[in-house]
Amino acid sequence: MRLVPNQPSRSVPFSGRLADALSGANAVAYCLVLPAILLRLGFTLAPAIQTFWLSFTDKSLMASGRFVGLANYAAMLSDKTLIASLGFTIFYTAASVAAETGLGLLIALLLMRQVRAKWISNFIMLLPWVMAPLLAATVWKIMFYEDGGILNQILRDAGIIASPIRWLSDANTARFSVILVTVWKNVSWVALIFMAALAALPKDVYEAAEVDGTNAVQRFRYITVPMLRPTIFLVLMFRGMGEVQTFEQIGGLTRGGPGTATQNLAYYAYQRFFQELRYGYGSAINVLLLLLTALIGGFFAWRMYKASSR
């Protein structure tokens, strides 16, 4: 039998691929989604372009918006409050995401066990996630009251504390309190993602490992964690991008206080833009926040792609 050598496949020109994509049923589909795409671009791309432009001007309530180039960005380098806000943003994001990921995986492992009435536990777990962020922050603020607050009363009745804890008026405890509320609010979403990933893992691998005599800790370390690596990076990407832009928890709990102890970039941008009406400088801070968000998202998206391609 005579073998015919493989012929190099000729690439289809871009114009041909475009014509195929826009022909027939594809053209109807594109026409149907076009209004949604245009609305999405109008509500996201247009404000983003305006924000970028304002960041290069001195626009404020008293100024008309003269082009100043990189003056707003240069002013950031000597803005001690902004530098402190950036430091707290990084600390808050790292601590919240680490706690959410660890606790979310632990909760998912516990809920994946065969227990009765699992749907009840799943429903209760999701309640914090579906609650409005500002409403959750307000409820927790009432619980954090020094005099008459639920938490201090419980701790005092249990004999754990003798005097009320200054949950929101002390800098250190205020940082802890903000992170606590954020983790409580978002850990159920993380657990839900991990539960879906755990349900998709192949059971035969665990059965083979159990036959080989491995214990639960070894199976978790050498099987579960490596197979969950893409999901872990997915969680880190979404939660990292979400926490770095947190506004509701900060505004509802502490308003950036005491002083500027819990002030992050999002709340600082809000103060400069809406309270001081310094639109140019506030837009420059928002651009910095956007770049930080893109950096976090891009890094973990790249790690997720590398983990998935192994």
C-alpha atoms as a PDB file:
ATOM      1  CA  MET A   1       0.000   0.000   0.000  1.00  0.00           C
ATOM      2  CA  ARG A   2       1.385   3.352  -1.047  1.00  0.00           C
ATOM      3  CA  LEU A   3       1.490   6.005   1.624  1.00  0.00           C
ATOM      4  CA  VAL A   4       0.545   9.500   0.569  1.00  0.00           C
ATOM      5  CA  PRO A   5       2.529  12.162   2.395  1.00  0.00           C
ATOM      6  CA  ASN A   6       0.575  14.607   4.472  1.00  0.00           C
ATOM      7  CA  GLN A   7      -0.249  17.726   2.564  1.00  0.00           C
ATOM      8  CA  PRO A   8       0.162  20.998   4.405  1.00  0.00           C
ATOM      9  CA  SER A   9      -3.210  22.427   5.250  1.00  0.00           C
ATOM     10  CA  ARG A  10      -3.903  25.776   3.689  1.00  0.00           C
ATOM     11  CA  SER A  11      -5.006  28.411   6.155  1.00  0.00           C
ATOM     12  CA  VAL A  12      -8.318  30.070   5.493  1.00  0.00           C
ATOM     13  CA  PRO A  13      -7.966  33.820   5.018  1.00  0.00           C
ATOM     14  CA  PHE A  14      -9.390  36.067   7.706  1.00  0.00           C
ATOM     15  CA  SER A  15     -11.965  37.505   5.300  1.00  0.00           C
ATOM     16  CA  GLY A  16     -13.248  33.988   4.608  1.00  0.00           C
ATOM     17  CA  ARG A  17     -13.509  33.129   8.302  1.00  0.00           C
ATOM     18  CA  LEU A  18     -15.312  36.419   8.948  1.00  0.00           C
ATOM     19  CA  ALA A  19     -17.765  35.737   6.134  1.00  0.00           C
ATOM     20  CA  ASP A  20     -18.499  32.256   7.506  1.00  0.00           C
ATOM     21  CA  ALA A  21     -19.042  33.640  11.026  1.00  0.00           C
ATOM     22  CA  LEU A  22     -21.486  36.293   9.795  1.00  0.00           C
ATOM     23  CA  SER A  23     -23.441  34.048   7.476  1.00  0.00           C
ATOM     24  CA  GLY A  24     -26.761  32.322   8.051  1.00  0.00           C
ATOM     25  CA  ALA A  25     -27.794  31.574  11.605  1.00  0.00           C
ATOM     26  CA  ASN A  26     -24.607  33.148  12.999  1.00  0.00           C
ATOM     27  CA  ALA A  27     -25.611  36.517  11.582  1.00  0.00           C
ATOM     28  CA  VAL A  28     -28.997  36.318  13.319  1.00  0.00           C
ATOM     29  CA  ALA A  29     -27.320  35.392  16.617  1.00  0.00           C
ATOM     30  CA  TYR A  30     -24.901  38.318  16.381  1.00  0.00           C
ATOM     31  CA  CYS A  31     -27.745  40.710  15.612  1.00  0.00           C
ATOM     32  CA  LEU A  32     -29.667  39.494  18.656  1.00  0.00           C
ATOM     33  CA  VAL A  33     -26.767  40.022  21.072  1.00  0.00           C
ATOM     34  CA  LEU A  34     -25.592  43.282  19.471  1.00  0.00           C
ATOM     35  CA  PRO A  35     -27.911  45.538  21.550  1.00  0.00           C
ATOM     36  CA  ALA A  36     -26.675  43.949  24.783  1.00  0.00           C
ATOM     37  CA  ILE A  37     -23.060  44.389  23.684  1.00  0.00           C
ATOM     38  CA  LEU A  38     -23.624  48.049  22.801  1.00  0.00           C
ATOM     39  CA  LEU A  39     -25.320  48.708  26.141  1.00  0.00           C
ATOM     40  CA  ARG A  40     -22.484  46.982  27.970  1.00  0.00           C
ATOM     41  CA  LEU A  41     -19.909  49.059  26.138  1.00  0.00           C
ATOM     42  CA  GLY A  42     -21.881  52.226  26.769  1.00  0.00           C
ATOM     43  CA  PHE A  43     -22.091  51.647  30.521  1.00  0.00           C
ATOM     44  CA  THR A  44     -18.487  50.437  30.979  1.00  0.00           C
ATOM     45  CA  LEU A  45     -16.226  51.670  28.208  1.00  0.00           C
ATOM     46  CA  ALA A  46     -17.518  55.249  28.091  1.00  0.00           C
ATOM     47  CA  PRO A  47     -17.096  55.904  31.868  1.00  0.00           C
ATOM     48  CA  ALA A  48     -13.676  54.254  31.776  1.00  0.00           C
ATOM     49  CA  ILE A  49     -12.522  56.540  28.965  1.00  0.00           C
ATOM     50  CA  GLN A  50     -13.903  59.569  30.780  1.00  0.00           C
ATOM     51  CA  THR A  51     -12.125  58.528  33.983  1.00  0.00           C
ATOM     52  CA  PHE A  52      -8.820  58.166  32.147  1.00  0.00           C
ATOM     53  CA  TRP A  53      -9.249  61.601  30.597  1.00  0.00           C
ATOM     54  CA  LEU A  54     -10.193  63.274  33.873  1.00  0.00           C
ATOM     55  CA  SER A  55      -7.097  61.783  35.540  1.00  0.00           C
ATOM     56  CA  PHE A  56      -4.962  64.000  33.287  1.00  0.00           C
ATOM     57  CA  THR A  57      -6.827  67.192  34.192  1.00  0.00           C
ATOM     58  CA  ASP A  58      -7.292  69.399  37.248  1.00  0.00           C
ATOM     59  CA  LYS A  59     -11.077  69.106  37.039  1.00  0.00           C
ATOM     60  CA  SER A  60     -12.802  70.024  40.299  1.00  0.00           C
ATOM     61  CA  LEU A  61     -15.723  72.085  41.535  1.00  0.00           C
ATOM     62  CA  MET A  62     -13.613  75.232  41.213  1.00  0.00           C
ATOM     63  CA  ALA A  63     -11.526  74.309  38.137  1.00  0.00           C
ATOM     64  CA  SER A  64     -12.742  73.886  34.577  1.00  0.00           C
ATOM     65  CA  GLY A  65     -10.598  70.860  33.762  1.00  0.00           C
ATOM     66  CA  ARG A  66      -7.279  72.102  32.377  1.00  0.00           C
ATOM     67  CA  PHE A  67      -4.974  69.401  31.005  1.00  0.00           C
ATOM     68  CA  VAL A  68      -2.125  68.868  33.494  1.00  0.00           C
ATOM     69  CA  GLY A  69      -0.546  65.685  32.150  1.00  0.00           C
ATOM     70  CA  LEU A  70       0.857  63.405  34.840  1.00  0.00           C
ATOM     71  CA  ALA A  71       0.574  65.971  37.638  1.00  0.00           C
ATOM     72  CA  ASN A  72      -2.121  64.012  39.483  1.00  0.00           C
ATOM     73  CA  TYR A  73      -0.052  60.831  39.337  1.00  0.00           C
ATOM     74  CA  ALA A  74       3.047  62.684  40.521  1.00  0.00           C
ATOM     75  CA  ALA A  75       1.053  64.081  43.448  1.00  0.00           C
ATOM     76  CA  MET A  76       0.246  60.535  44.542  1.00  0.00           C
ATOM     77  CA  LEU A  77       3.913  59.895  45.320  1.00  0.00           C
ATOM     78  CA  SER A  78       3.861  62.510  48.102  1.00  0.00           C
ATOM     79  CA  ASP A  79       0.333  61.761  49.323  1.00  0.00           C
ATOM     80  CA  LYS A  80       0.950  59.976  52.629  1.00  0.00           C
ATOM     81  CA  THR A  81      -2.746  59.227  53.110  1.00  0.00           C
ATOM     82  CA  LEU A  82      -2.910  57.521  49.717  1.00  0.00           C
ATOM     83  CA  ILE A  83       0.220  55.497  50.439  1.00  0.00           C
ATOM     84  CA  ALA A  84      -1.278  54.387  53.763  1.00  0.00           C
ATOM     85  CA  SER A  85      -4.541  53.520  51.990  1.00  0.00           C
ATOM     86  CA  LEU A  86      -2.628  51.472  49.426  1.00  0.00           C
ATOM     87  CA  GLY A  87      -0.829  49.602  52.209  1.00  0.00           C
ATOM     88  CA  PHE A  88      -4.070  48.789  54.001  1.00  0.00           C
ATOM     89  CA  THR A  89      -5.673  47.744  50.696  1.00  0.00           C
ATOM     90  CA  ILE A  90      -2.902  45.208  50.069  1.00  0.00           C
ATOM     91  CA  PHE A  91      -2.994  43.921  53.662  1.00  0.00           C
ATOM     92  CA  TYR A  92      -6.791  43.736  53.729  1.00  0.00           C
ATOM     93  CA  THR A  93      -6.947  41.945  50.368  1.00  0.00           C
ATOM     94  CA  ALA A  94      -4.244  39.416  51.229  1.00  0.00           C
ATOM     95  CA  ALA A  95      -5.668  38.602  54.681  1.00  0.00           C
ATOM     96  CA  SER A  96      -9.284  38.379  53.489  1.00  0.00           C
ATOM     97  CA  VAL A  97      -8.528  36.240  50.434  1.00  0.00           C
ATOM     98  CA  ALA A  98      -6.279  33.865  52.388  1.00  0.00           C
ATOM     99  CA  ALA A  99      -8.901  33.383  55.107  1.00  0.00           C
ATOM    100  CA  GLU A 100     -11.751  32.995  52.619  1.00  0.00           C
ATOM    101  CA  THR A 101      -9.848  30.417  50.567  1.00  0.00           C
ATOM    102  CA  GLY A 102      -8.753  28.323  53.544  1.00  0.00           C
ATOM    103  CA  LEU A 103     -12.086  28.416  55.357  1.00  0.00           C
ATOM    104  CA  GLY A 104     -14.030  27.952  52.134  1.00  0.00           C
ATOM    105  CA  LEU A 105     -12.118  24.791  51.267  1.00  0.00           C
ATOM    106  CA  LEU A 106     -12.572  23.449  54.807  1.00  0.00           C
ATOM    107  CA  ILE A 107     -16.319  24.121  54.747  1.00  0.00           C
ATOM    108  CA  ALA A 108     -16.623  22.525  51.322  1.00  0.00           C
ATOM    109  CA  LEU A 109     -14.846  19.373  52.511  1.00  0.00           C
ATOM    110  CA  LEU A 110     -17.160  19.127  55.528  1.00  0.00           C
ATOM    111  CA  LEU A 111     -20.334  19.740  53.530  1.00  0.00           C
ATOM    112  CA  MET A 112     -19.349  17.190  50.875  1.00  0.00           C
ATOM    113  CA  ARG A 113     -19.602  14.426  53.447  1.00  0.00           C
ATOM    114  CA  GLN A 114     -22.719  12.265  53.333  1.00  0.00           C
ATOM    115  CA  VAL A 115     -24.823  13.879  56.041  1.00  0.00           C
ATOM    116  CA  ARG A 116     -28.554  14.079  56.479  1.00  0.00           C
ATOM    117  CA  ALA A 117     -30.447  17.175  55.379  1.00  0.00           C
ATOM    118  CA  LYS A 118     -27.423  18.515  53.516  1.00  0.00           C
ATOM    119  CA  TRP A 119     -29.632  21.004  51.683  1.00  0.00           C
ATOM    120  CA  ILE A 120     -30.444  22.728  54.962  1.00  0.00           C
ATOM    121  CA  SER A 121     -26.766  23.313  55.771  1.00  0.00           C
ATOM    122  CA  ASN A 122     -26.127  24.517  52.220  1.00  0.00           C
ATOM    123  CA  PHE A 123     -29.038  26.949  52.442  1.00  0.00           C
ATOM    124  CA  ILE A 124     -27.873  28.349  55.783  1.00  0.00           C
ATOM    125  CA  MET A 125     -24.329  28.667  54.464  1.00  0.00           C
ATOM    126  CA  LEU A 126     -25.433  30.795  51.512  1.00  0.00           C
ATOM    127  CA  LEU A 127     -27.437  33.296  53.567  1.00  0.00           C
ATOM    128  CA  PRO A 128     -24.499  35.693  54.231  1.00  0.00           C
ATOM    129  CA  TRP A 129     -23.562  35.699  50.559  1.00  0.00           C
ATOM    130  CA  VAL A 130     -27.022  36.718  49.314  1.00  0.00           C
ATOM    131  CA  MET A 131     -27.325  39.507  51.901  1.00  0.00           C
ATOM    132  CA  ALA A 132     -26.695  43.015  50.579  1.00  0.00           C
ATOM    133  CA  PRO A 133     -23.140  44.123  51.532  1.00  0.00           C
ATOM    134  CA  LEU A 134     -24.206  47.442  53.067  1.00  0.00           C
ATOM    135  CA  LEU A 135     -26.992  45.758  55.031  1.00  0.00           C
ATOM    136  CA  ALA A 136     -24.558  43.135  56.344  1.00  0.00           C
ATOM    137  CA  ALA A 137     -22.108  45.861  57.371  1.00  0.00           C
ATOM    138  CA  THR A 138     -24.854  47.769  59.196  1.00  0.00           C
ATOM    139  CA  VAL A 139     -25.956  44.663  61.117  1.00  0.00           C
ATOM    140  CA  TRP A 140     -22.394  43.900  62.140  1.00  0.00           C
ATOM    141  CA  LYS A 141     -21.850  47.523  63.177  1.00  0.00           C
ATOM    142  CA  ILE A 142     -24.763  47.200  65.612  1.00  0.00           C
ATOM    143  CA  MET A 143     -23.247  43.966  66.951  1.00  0.00           C
ATOM    144  CA  PHE A 144     -19.882  45.723  67.386  1.00  0.00           C
ATOM    145  CA  TYR A 145     -21.262  48.500  69.626  1.00  0.00           C
ATOM    146  CA  GLU A 146     -19.069  48.914  72.705  1.00  0.00           C
ATOM    147  CA  ASP A 147     -22.010  49.615  75.030  1.00  0.00           C
ATOM    148  CA  GLY A 148     -24.980  47.357  74.438  1.00  0.00           C
ATOM    149  CA  GLY A 149     -23.443  45.466  71.521  1.00  0.00           C
ATOM    150  CA  ILE A 150     -24.295  41.785  71.186  1.00  0.00           C
ATOM    151  CA  LEU A 151     -20.699  40.560  70.894  1.00  0.00           C
ATOM    152  CA  ASN A 152     -19.415  42.376  73.965  1.00  0.00           C
ATOM    153  CA  GLN A 153     -22.440  41.237  75.949  1.00  0.00           C
ATOM    154  CA  ILE A 154     -21.888  37.586  74.998  1.00  0.00           C
ATOM    155  CA  LEU A 155     -18.176  37.727  75.814  1.00  0.00           C
ATOM    156  CA  ARG A 156     -18.863  39.467  79.127  1.00  0.00           C
ATOM    157  CA  ASP A 157     -21.542  36.962  80.158  1.00  0.00           C
ATOM    158  CA  ALA A 158     -19.162  34.120  79.308  1.00  0.00           C
ATOM    159  CA  GLY A 159     -16.485  35.650  81.540  1.00  0.00           C
ATOM    160  CA  ILE A 160     -14.026  36.074  78.656  1.00  0.00           C
ATOM    161  CA  ILE A 161     -13.708  39.868  78.963  1.00  0.00           C
ATOM    162  CA  ALA A 162     -14.099  42.267  81.861  1.00  0.00           C
ATOM    163  CA  SER A 163     -14.385  45.509  79.874  1.00  0.00           C
ATOM    164  CA  PRO A 164     -15.927  46.102  76.445  1.00  0.00           C
ATOM    165  CA  ILE A 165     -13.738  45.578  73.396  1.00  0.00           C
ATOM    166  CA  ARG A 166     -13.393  48.645  71.181  1.00  0.00           C
ATOM    167  CA  TRP A 167     -14.238  46.807  67.984  1.00  0.00           C
ATOM    168  CA  LEU A 168     -14.441  49.817  65.672  1.00  0.00           C
ATOM    169  CA  SER A 169     -12.810  52.660  67.637  1.00  0.00           C
ATOM    170  CA  ASP A 170      -9.362  51.065  68.033  1.00  0.00           C
ATOM    171  CA  ALA A 171      -7.147  50.896  64.941  1.00  0.00           C
ATOM    172  CA  ASN A 172      -5.983  47.293  65.350  1.00  0.00           C
ATOM    173  CA  THR A 173      -9.347  45.800  66.278  1.00  0.00           C
ATOM    174  CA  ALA A 174     -11.072  47.863  63.574  1.00  0.00           C
ATOM    175  CA  ARG A 175      -8.842  46.309  60.904  1.00  0.00           C
ATOM    176  CA  PHE A 176      -9.588  42.858  62.297  1.00  0.00           C
ATOM    177  CA  SER A 177     -13.320  43.599  62.444  1.00  0.00           C
ATOM    178  CA  VAL A 178     -13.473  44.729  58.808  1.00  0.00           C
ATOM    179  CA  ILE A 179     -11.641  41.597  57.663  1.00  0.00           C
ATOM    180  CA  LEU A 180     -13.905  39.423  59.837  1.00  0.00           C
ATOM    181  CA  VAL A 181     -17.068  40.825  58.252  1.00  0.00           C
ATOM    182  CA  THR A 182     -15.647  40.453  54.753  1.00  0.00           C
ATOM    183  CA  VAL A 183     -14.688  36.824  55.325  1.00  0.00           C
ATOM    184  CA  TRP A 184     -18.086  36.062  56.877  1.00  0.00           C
ATOM    185  CA  LYS A 185     -19.804  37.652  53.884  1.00  0.00           C
ATOM    186  CA  ASN A 186     -17.857  35.924  51.082  1.00  0.00           C
ATOM    187  CA  VAL A 187     -16.657  32.571  52.429  1.00  0.00           C
ATOM    188  CA  SER A 188     -19.911  30.858  51.434  1.00  0.00           C
ATOM    189  CA  TRP A 189     -19.338  31.746  47.774  1.00  0.00           C
ATOM    190  CA  VAL A 190     -15.844  30.270  47.966  1.00  0.00           C
ATOM    191  CA  ALA A 191     -17.192  27.112  49.608  1.00  0.00           C
ATOM    192  CA  LEU A 192     -19.802  26.779  46.848  1.00  0.00           C
ATOM    193  CA  ILE A 193     -17.115  26.933  44.141  1.00  0.00           C
ATOM    194  CA  PHE A 194     -14.983  24.355  45.942  1.00  0.00           C
ATOM    195  CA  MET A 195     -17.983  22.057  46.428  1.00  0.00           C
ATOM    196  CA  ALA A 196     -18.609  22.088  42.687  1.00  0.00           C
ATOM    197  CA  ALA A 197     -14.943  21.331  42.010  1.00  0.00           C
ATOM    198  CA  LEU A 198     -14.819  18.530  44.587  1.00  0.00           C
ATOM    199  CA  ALA A 199     -17.923  16.920  43.099  1.00  0.00           C
ATOM    200  CA  ALA A 200     -16.194  16.772  39.693  1.00  0.00           C
ATOM    201  CA  LEU A 201     -13.042  15.011  40.928  1.00  0.00           C
ATOM    202  CA  PRO A 202     -12.685  11.385  39.720  1.00  0.00           C
ATOM    203  CA  LYS A 203     -13.574   8.888  42.431  1.00  0.00           C
ATOM    204  CA  ASP A 204     -11.411   6.080  41.027  1.00  0.00           C
ATOM    205  CA  VAL A 205      -8.223   7.974  41.919  1.00  0.00           C
ATOM    206  CA  TYR A 206      -9.261   8.114  45.582  1.00  0.00           C
ATOM    207  CA  GLU A 207     -10.276   4.449  45.555  1.00  0.00           C
ATOM    208  CA  ALA A 208      -6.894   3.431  44.140  1.00  0.00           C
ATOM    209  CA  ALA A 209      -5.067   5.564  46.703  1.00  0.00           C
ATOM    210  CA  GLU A 210      -7.125   4.071  49.533  1.00  0.00           C
ATOM    211  CA  VAL A 211      -6.277   0.561  48.323  1.00  0.00           C
ATOM    212  CA  ASP A 212      -2.589   1.548  48.427  1.00  0.00           C
ATOM    213  CA  GLY A 213      -2.969   2.351  52.124  1.00  0.00           C
ATOM    214  CA  THR A 214      -2.917   6.160  52.108  1.00  0.00           C
ATOM    215  CA  ASN A 215      -4.656   8.026  54.900  1.00  0.00           C
ATOM    216  CA  ALA A 216      -7.021  10.995  54.585  1.00  0.00           C
ATOM    217  CA  VAL A 217      -4.290  13.597  55.091  1.00  0.00           C
ATOM    218  CA  GLN A 218      -2.104  12.069  52.382  1.00  0.00           C
ATOM    219  CA  ARG A 219      -5.020  11.879  49.946  1.00  0.00           C
ATOM    220  CA  PHE A 220      -5.842  15.523  50.604  1.00  0.00           C
ATOM    221  CA  ARG A 221      -2.246  16.665  50.179  1.00  0.00           C
ATOM    222  CA  TYR A 222      -1.198  14.599  47.175  1.00  0.00           C
ATOM    223  CA  ILE A 223      -4.507  14.179  45.319  1.00  0.00           C
ATOM    224  CA  THR A 224      -7.108  16.770  46.293  1.00  0.00           C
ATOM    225  CA  VAL A 225      -4.934  19.875  46.428  1.00  0.00           C
ATOM    226  CA  PRO A 226      -3.073  19.234  43.123  1.00  0.00           C
ATOM    227  CA  MET A 227      -6.320  18.481  41.303  1.00  0.00           C
ATOM    228  CA  LEU A 228      -7.961  21.581  42.805  1.00  0.00           C
ATOM    229  CA  ARG A 229      -5.090  23.884  41.841  1.00  0.00           C
ATOM    230  CA  PRO A 230      -6.952  25.515  38.876  1.00  0.00           C
ATOM    231  CA  THR A 231      -9.998  26.097  41.088  1.00  0.00           C
ATOM    232  CA  ILE A 232      -7.835  27.570  43.843  1.00  0.00           C
ATOM    233  CA  PHE A 233      -6.340  30.073  41.405  1.00  0.00           C
ATOM    234  CA  LEU A 234      -9.831  30.834  40.096  1.00  0.00           C
ATOM    235  CA  VAL A 235     -10.992  31.652  43.632  1.00  0.00           C
ATOM    236  CA  LEU A 236      -7.878  33.735  44.306  1.00  0.00           C
ATOM    237  CA  MET A 237      -8.446  35.672  41.082  1.00  0.00           C
ATOM    238  CA  PHE A 238     -12.107  36.512  41.676  1.00  0.00           C
ATOM    239  CA  ARG A 239     -11.818  37.187  45.391  1.00  0.00           C
ATOM    240  CA  GLY A 240      -8.598  39.162  44.978  1.00  0.00           C
ATOM    241  CA  MET A 241     -10.183  41.399  42.350  1.00  0.00           C
ATOM    242  CA  GLY A 242     -13.274  41.749  44.522  1.00  0.00           C
ATOM    243  CA  GLU A 243     -11.571  42.535  47.824  1.00  0.00           C
ATOM    244  CA  VAL A 244      -9.186  45.100  46.375  1.00  0.00           C
ATOM    245  CA  GLN A 245     -12.238  47.119  45.297  1.00  0.00           C
ATOM    246  CA  THR A 246     -14.223  46.698  48.544  1.00  0.00           C
ATOM    247  CA  PHE A 247     -16.308  49.746  49.396  1.00  0.00           C
ATOM    248  CA  GLU A 248     -19.547  48.743  51.139  1.00  0.00           C
ATOM    249  CA  GLN A 249     -17.957  47.021  54.147  1.00  0.00           C
ATOM    250  CA  ILE A 250     -15.591  49.933  54.760  1.00  0.00           C
ATOM    251  CA  GLY A 251     -18.303  52.551  54.321  1.00  0.00           C
ATOM    252  CA  GLY A 252     -20.882  50.722  56.404  1.00  0.00           C
ATOM    253  CA  LEU A 253     -18.586  49.764  59.283  1.00  0.00           C
ATOM    254  CA  THR A 254     -15.910  52.386  59.833  1.00  0.00           C
ATOM    255  CA  ARG A 255     -15.995  55.000  57.032  1.00  0.00           C
ATOM    256  CA  GLY A 256     -12.236  54.527  56.864  1.00  0.00           C
ATOM    257  CA  GLY A 257     -11.690  55.173  60.582  1.00  0.00           C
ATOM    258  CA  PRO A 258     -10.603  55.446  63.227  1.00  0.00           C
ATOM    259  CA  GLY A 259      -8.620  58.166  61.520  1.00  0.00           C
ATOM    260  CA  THR A 260      -7.462  56.471  58.325  1.00  0.00           C
ATOM    261  CA  ALA A 261      -6.748  53.040  59.852  1.00  0.00           C
ATOM    262  CA  THR A 262      -9.249  51.148  57.666  1.00  0.00           C
ATOM    263  CA  GLN A 263      -9.281  53.449  54.650  1.00  0.00           C
ATOM    264  CA  ASN A 264      -8.617  51.580  51.403  1.00  0.00           C
ATOM    265  CA  LEU A 265      -8.116  52.930  47.891  1.00  0.00           C
ATOM    266  CA  ALA A 266     -11.765  52.621  46.889  1.00  0.00           C
ATOM    267  CA  TYR A 267     -13.004  54.631  49.865  1.00  0.00           C
ATOM    268  CA  TYR A 268     -10.190  57.172  49.502  1.00  0.00           C
ATOM    269  CA  ALA A 269     -11.120  57.687  45.842  1.00  0.00           C
ATOM    270  CA  TYR A 270     -14.749  58.165  46.911  1.00  0.00           C
ATOM    271  CA  GLN A 271     -13.730  60.846  49.424  1.00  0.00           C
ATOM    272  CA  ARG A 272     -11.601  62.769  46.926  1.00  0.00           C
ATOM    273  CA  PHE A 273     -14.166  62.500  44.122  1.00  0.00           C
ATOM    274  CA  PHE A 274     -17.555  62.914  45.815  1.00  0.00           C
ATOM    275  CA  GLN A 275     -16.749  64.688  49.080  1.00  0.00           C
ATOM    276  CA  GLU A 276     -13.894  67.015  48.109  1.00  0.00           C
ATOM    277  CA  LEU A 277     -15.120  67.180  44.469  1.00  0.00           C
ATOM    278  CA  ARG A 278     -11.559  66.807  43.147  1.00  0.00           C
ATOM    279  CA  TYR A 279     -12.594  64.925  40.042  1.00  0.00           C
ATOM    280  CA  GLY A 280      -9.182  64.857  38.400  1.00  0.00           C
ATOM    281  CA  TYR A 281      -7.306  63.516  41.404  1.00  0.00           C
ATOM    282  CA  GLY A 282     -10.116  61.121  42.310  1.00  0.00           C
ATOM    283  CA  SER A 283     -10.068  59.735  38.770  1.00  0.00           C
ATOM    284  CA  ALA A 284      -6.309  59.210  38.980  1.00  0.00           C
ATOM    285  CA  ILE A 285      -6.798  57.153  42.154  1.00  0.00           C
ATOM    286  CA  ASN A 286      -9.451  55.107  40.357  1.00  0.00           C
ATOM    287  CA  VAL A 287      -7.023  54.450  37.511  1.00  0.00           C
ATOM    288  CA  LEU A 288      -4.465  53.234  40.062  1.00  0.00           C
ATOM    289  CA  LEU A 289      -7.127  50.967  41.558  1.00  0.00           C
ATOM    290  CA  LEU A 290      -7.986  49.648  38.096  1.00  0.00           C
ATOM    291  CA  LEU A 291      -4.338  48.856  37.370  1.00  0.00           C
ATOM    292  CA  LEU A 292      -3.985  47.055  40.713  1.00  0.00           C
ATOM    293  CA  THR A 293      -7.137  45.034  39.991  1.00  0.00           C
ATOM    294  CA  ALA A 294      -5.890  44.140  36.503  1.00  0.00           C
ATOM    295  CA  LEU A 295      -2.520  43.096  37.935  1.00  0.00           C
ATOM    296  CA  ILE A 296      -4.150  40.728  40.438  1.00  0.00           C
ATOM    297  CA  GLY A 297      -6.559  39.318  37.871  1.00  0.00           C
ATOM    298  CA  GLY A 298      -3.890  38.877  35.203  1.00  0.00           C
ATOM    299  CA  PHE A 299      -1.446  37.148  37.537  1.00  0.00           C
ATOM    300  CA  PHE A 300      -3.909  34.581  38.876  1.00  0.00           C
ATOM    301  CA  ALA A 301      -5.473  34.071  35.428  1.00  0.00           C
ATOM    302  CA  TRP A 302      -1.999  33.194  34.141  1.00  0.00           C
ATOM    303  CA  ARG A 303      -1.398  30.824  37.065  1.00  0.00           C
ATOM    304  CA  MET A 304      -4.794  29.205  36.487  1.00  0.00           C
ATOM    305  CA  TYR A 305      -3.956  28.692  32.808  1.00  0.00           C
ATOM    306  CA  LYS A 306      -0.590  27.135  33.702  1.00  0.00           C
ATOM    307  CA  ALA A 307      -2.230  24.849  36.274  1.00  0.00           C
ATOM    308  CA  SER A 308      -4.946  23.763  33.835  1.00  0.00           C
ATOM    309  CA  SER A 309      -2.479  22.979  31.046  1.00  0.00           C
ATOM    310  CA  ARG A 310      -0.429  20.521  33.108  1.00  0.00           C
END
